C-alpha atoms as a PDB file:
ATOM      1  CA  LEU A   1     157.484 125.794  67.803  1.00  0.00           C
ATOM      2  CA  LEU A   2     155.385 122.955  66.347  1.00  0.00           C
ATOM      3  CA  GLY A   3     152.538 123.745  68.749  1.00  0.00           C
ATOM      4  CA  PHE A   4     152.656 127.394  67.738  1.00  0.00           C
ATOM      5  CA  LEU A   5     152.562 126.466  64.042  1.00  0.00           C
ATOM      6  CA  LEU A   6     149.608 124.142  64.562  1.00  0.00           C
ATOM      7  CA  VAL A   7     147.716 126.840  66.468  1.00  0.00           C
ATOM      8  CA  PHE A   8     148.601 129.370  63.774  1.00  0.00           C
ATOM      9  CA  LEU A   9     147.411 127.026  61.007  1.00  0.00           C
ATOM     10  CA  GLY A  10     144.213 126.391  62.948  1.00  0.00           C
ATOM     11  CA  LEU A  11     143.563 130.127  63.112  1.00  0.00           C
ATOM     12  CA  ALA A  12     144.513 130.617  59.476  1.00  0.00           C
ATOM     13  CA  LEU A  13     141.862 128.155  58.300  1.00  0.00           C
ATOM     14  CA  PRO A  14     138.629 129.257  59.978  1.00  0.00           C
ATOM     15  CA  GLY A  15     135.568 127.160  59.299  1.00  0.00           C
ATOM     16  CA  THR A  16     137.317 124.354  57.473  1.00  0.00           C
ATOM     17  CA  GLN A  17     137.332 121.891  60.354  1.00  0.00           C
ATOM     18  CA  GLY A  18     134.125 121.260  62.210  1.00  0.00           C
ATOM     19  CA  LYS A  19     133.355 118.565  64.679  1.00  0.00           C
ATOM     20  CA  ILE A  20     134.312 115.186  63.260  1.00  0.00           C
ATOM     21  CA  ILE A  21     131.717 112.720  64.519  1.00  0.00           C
ATOM     22  CA  SER A  22     133.202 109.277  65.104  1.00  0.00           C
ATOM     23  CA  ARG A  23     131.811 106.376  63.074  1.00  0.00           C
ATOM     24  CA  CYS A  24     130.087 104.606  65.968  1.00  0.00           C
ATOM     25  CA  GLU A  25     128.754 107.867  67.426  1.00  0.00           C
ATOM     26  CA  MET A  26     127.202 108.653  64.021  1.00  0.00           C
ATOM     27  CA  VAL A  27     125.674 105.149  63.889  1.00  0.00           C
ATOM     28  CA  LYS A  28     124.115 105.786  67.336  1.00  0.00           C
ATOM     29  CA  ILE A  29     122.756 109.178  66.259  1.00  0.00           C
ATOM     30  CA  LEU A  30     121.187 107.716  63.101  1.00  0.00           C
ATOM     31  CA  ARG A  31     119.644 104.780  64.981  1.00  0.00           C
ATOM     32  CA  ARG A  32     118.300 107.082  67.698  1.00  0.00           C
ATOM     33  CA  ASN A  33     116.703 109.302  65.034  1.00  0.00           C
ATOM     34  CA  GLY A  34     114.858 106.517  63.195  1.00  0.00           C
ATOM     35  CA  PHE A  35     116.983 106.204  60.056  1.00  0.00           C
ATOM     36  CA  GLU A  36     116.879 102.378  59.994  1.00  0.00           C
ATOM     37  CA  GLY A  37     114.163 101.531  57.439  1.00  0.00           C
ATOM     38  CA  PHE A  38     113.418 105.199  56.723  1.00  0.00           C
ATOM     39  CA  GLU A  39     112.139 105.447  53.109  1.00  0.00           C
ATOM     40  CA  GLY A  40     113.564 101.972  52.469  1.00  0.00           C
ATOM     41  CA  THR A  41     117.079 102.927  53.565  1.00  0.00           C
ATOM     42  CA  THR A  42     119.380 101.497  56.236  1.00  0.00           C
ATOM     43  CA  VAL A  43     121.672 103.143  58.767  1.00  0.00           C
ATOM     44  CA  ALA A  44     124.526 101.657  56.705  1.00  0.00           C
ATOM     45  CA  ASP A  45     123.250 103.550  53.628  1.00  0.00           C
ATOM     46  CA  TRP A  46     123.244 106.811  55.573  1.00  0.00           C
ATOM     47  CA  MET A  47     126.677 106.090  57.066  1.00  0.00           C
ATOM     48  CA  CYS A  48     128.129 105.543  53.606  1.00  0.00           C
ATOM     49  CA  LEU A  49     126.407 108.716  52.379  1.00  0.00           C
ATOM     50  CA  VAL A  50     127.865 110.770  55.260  1.00  0.00           C
ATOM     51  CA  LYS A  51     131.331 109.243  54.733  1.00  0.00           C
ATOM     52  CA  TYR A  52     131.451 110.158  51.045  1.00  0.00           C
ATOM     53  CA  GLU A  53     129.588 113.467  51.277  1.00  0.00           C
ATOM     54  CA  SER A  54     131.309 115.082  54.294  1.00  0.00           C
ATOM     55  CA  ASP A  55     133.679 112.537  55.873  1.00  0.00           C
ATOM     56  CA  TYR A  56     131.678 112.983  59.121  1.00  0.00           C
ATOM     57  CA  ASN A  57     132.609 116.692  59.317  1.00  0.00           C
ATOM     58  CA  THR A  58     129.795 118.981  60.526  1.00  0.00           C
ATOM     59  CA  LYS A  59     131.393 122.035  58.866  1.00  0.00           C
ATOM     60  CA  ALA A  60     131.928 120.525  55.424  1.00  0.00           C
ATOM     61  CA  TYR A  61     130.973 122.567  52.380  1.00  0.00           C
ATOM     62  CA  ASN A  62     131.455 122.254  48.633  1.00  0.00           C
ATOM     63  CA  ASN A  63     130.906 124.654  45.785  1.00  0.00           C
ATOM     64  CA  ASN A  64     128.746 123.391  42.895  1.00  0.00           C
ATOM     65  CA  GLY A  65     129.024 126.367  40.588  1.00  0.00           C
ATOM     66  CA  PRO A  66     126.002 128.537  41.398  1.00  0.00           C
ATOM     67  CA  SER A  67     125.029 126.586  44.539  1.00  0.00           C
ATOM     68  CA  ARG A  68     126.780 125.073  47.537  1.00  0.00           C
ATOM     69  CA  ASP A  69     126.407 121.958  49.710  1.00  0.00           C
ATOM     70  CA  TYR A  70     126.544 122.369  53.488  1.00  0.00           C
ATOM     71  CA  GLY A  71     127.145 120.249  56.554  1.00  0.00           C
ATOM     72  CA  ILE A  72     127.405 116.610  57.419  1.00  0.00           C
ATOM     73  CA  PHE A  73     124.749 115.602  54.847  1.00  0.00           C
ATOM     74  CA  GLN A  74     125.939 118.148  52.221  1.00  0.00           C
ATOM     75  CA  ILE A  75     122.554 119.830  51.843  1.00  0.00           C
ATOM     76  CA  ASN A  76     122.240 122.043  48.775  1.00  0.00           C
ATOM     77  CA  SER A  77     121.536 125.784  48.866  1.00  0.00           C
ATOM     78  CA  LYS A  78     119.544 125.853  45.630  1.00  0.00           C
ATOM     79  CA  TYR A  79     116.718 123.747  47.024  1.00  0.00           C
ATOM     80  CA  TRP A  80     116.974 123.185  50.741  1.00  0.00           C
ATOM     81  CA  CYS A  81     118.666 125.998  52.700  1.00  0.00           C
ATOM     82  CA  ASN A  82     119.333 129.715  52.340  1.00  0.00           C
ATOM     83  CA  ASP A  83     122.950 130.905  52.222  1.00  0.00           C
ATOM     84  CA  GLY A  84     122.152 134.426  51.033  1.00  0.00           C
ATOM     85  CA  ARG A  85     124.198 133.924  47.870  1.00  0.00           C
ATOM     86  CA  THR A  86     122.361 131.325  45.770  1.00  0.00           C
ATOM     87  CA  SER A  87     119.895 133.008  43.422  1.00  0.00           C
ATOM     88  CA  GLY A  88     116.449 131.444  43.217  1.00  0.00           C
ATOM     89  CA  SER A  89     116.959 129.383  46.377  1.00  0.00           C
ATOM     90  CA  LYS A  90     113.804 127.466  47.331  1.00  0.00           C
ATOM     91  CA  ASN A  91     114.865 127.004  51.010  1.00  0.00           C
ATOM     92  CA  ALA A  92     112.468 124.054  51.351  1.00  0.00           C
ATOM     93  CA  CYS A  93     113.855 123.198  54.807  1.00  0.00           C
ATOM     94  CA  HIS A  94     113.305 126.792  55.994  1.00  0.00           C
ATOM     95  CA  ILE A  95     116.804 127.054  57.417  1.00  0.00           C
ATOM     96  CA  SER A  96     119.922 129.130  57.060  1.00  0.00           C
ATOM     97  CA  CYS A  97     122.692 127.039  55.478  1.00  0.00           C
ATOM     98  CA  SER A  98     125.061 128.205  58.218  1.00  0.00           C
ATOM     99  CA  LYS A  99     122.881 126.310  60.742  1.00  0.00           C
ATOM    100  CA  LEU A 100     123.810 123.144  58.837  1.00  0.00           C
ATOM    101  CA  GLN A 101     127.477 123.710  59.690  1.00  0.00           C
ATOM    102  CA  ASP A 102     127.313 123.894  63.478  1.00  0.00           C
ATOM    103  CA  ASP A 103     127.909 120.959  65.826  1.00  0.00           C
ATOM    104  CA  ASN A 104     124.183 120.498  66.507  1.00  0.00           C
ATOM    105  CA  ILE A 105     122.999 118.216  63.717  1.00  0.00           C
ATOM    106  CA  GLU A 106     119.337 117.934  64.790  1.00  0.00           C
ATOM    107  CA  ASP A 107     118.252 120.457  62.141  1.00  0.00           C
ATOM    108  CA  ASP A 108     120.492 118.737  59.560  1.00  0.00           C
ATOM    109  CA  ILE A 109     118.731 115.450  60.378  1.00  0.00           C
ATOM    110  CA  ARG A 110     115.270 117.005  59.923  1.00  0.00           C
ATOM    111  CA  CYS A 111     116.249 118.448  56.546  1.00  0.00           C
ATOM    112  CA  ALA A 112     118.009 115.266  55.330  1.00  0.00           C
ATOM    113  CA  LYS A 113     114.896 113.260  56.198  1.00  0.00           C
ATOM    114  CA  LYS A 114     112.710 115.751  54.309  1.00  0.00           C
ATOM    115  CA  ILE A 115     114.953 115.355  51.231  1.00  0.00           C
ATOM    116  CA  ALA A 116     114.884 111.534  51.457  1.00  0.00           C
ATOM    117  CA  ARG A 117     111.105 111.564  52.039  1.00  0.00           C
ATOM    118  CA  GLU A 118     110.493 113.672  48.919  1.00  0.00           C
ATOM    119  CA  ALA A 119     112.890 111.579  46.809  1.00  0.00           C
ATOM    120  CA  HIS A 120     111.714 108.258  48.336  1.00  0.00           C
ATOM    121  CA  GLY A 121     115.344 107.413  49.004  1.00  0.00           C
ATOM    122  CA  LEU A 122     118.875 108.728  48.713  1.00  0.00           C
ATOM    123  CA  SER A 123     119.113 109.404  44.965  1.00  0.00           C
ATOM    124  CA  PRO A 124     119.625 113.193  45.432  1.00  0.00           C
ATOM    125  CA  TRP A 125     123.070 112.479  46.951  1.00  0.00           C
ATOM    126  CA  TYR A 126     125.759 111.784  44.350  1.00  0.00           C
ATOM    127  CA  GLY A 127     128.146 110.501  47.026  1.00  0.00           C
ATOM    128  CA  TRP A 128     125.637 107.775  47.830  1.00  0.00           C
ATOM    129  CA  LYS A 129     124.775 107.025  44.184  1.00  0.00           C
ATOM    130  CA  ASN A 130     128.441 106.786  43.141  1.00  0.00           C
ATOM    131  CA  HIS A 131     129.915 104.944  46.139  1.00  0.00           C
ATOM    132  CA  CYS A 132     127.155 103.196  48.102  1.00  0.00           C
ATOM    133  CA  ARG A 133     124.107 102.206  46.069  1.00  0.00           C
ATOM    134  CA  GLY A 134     123.897  98.442  45.503  1.00  0.00           C
ATOM    135  CA  ARG A 135     127.028  97.668  47.545  1.00  0.00           C
ATOM    136  CA  ASN A 136     127.606  95.732  50.743  1.00  0.00           C
ATOM    137  CA  LEU A 137     127.762  98.493  53.348  1.00  0.00           C
ATOM    138  CA  SER A 138     127.919  96.340  56.489  1.00  0.00           C
ATOM    139  CA  SER A 139     131.433  97.603  57.302  1.00  0.00           C
ATOM    140  CA  PHE A 140     129.971 101.065  58.023  1.00  0.00           C
ATOM    141  CA  VAL A 141     128.035  99.802  61.045  1.00  0.00           C
ATOM    142  CA  ARG A 142     130.129  96.800  62.084  1.00  0.00           C
ATOM    143  CA  GLY A 143     131.018  96.745  65.774  1.00  0.00           C
ATOM    144  CA  CYS A 144     128.847  99.747  66.682  1.00  0.00           C
END
């Protein structure tokens, strides 16, 4: 019965649970993609950002009134991606927001780097500003 209920609940909540990338796997991905030192940031900065923005969930999304944030980096539909529902979307990453919610995060990485490059850092992300900036973040990469 429990198995049936869990399967039923899984079917009843489509799109809420994506791939959860483990902490050390995410550290490896960020290192492999040149995030250490990128625009003056560290892999630990990005790990903290991902933890507080999406909790390492590739399918994460959040409503922000007229716009929405998508994917592991919580990329916003007003400026960076097109979700077909945000009026005046700039779509500066030239990507459908739904592509930011699949398990392939290569396009998410390209867009997140574009955002950080334009901002010269991670200030566009409130999760990072509120929980990570100016703190010791070594625990996010320890042992990986």
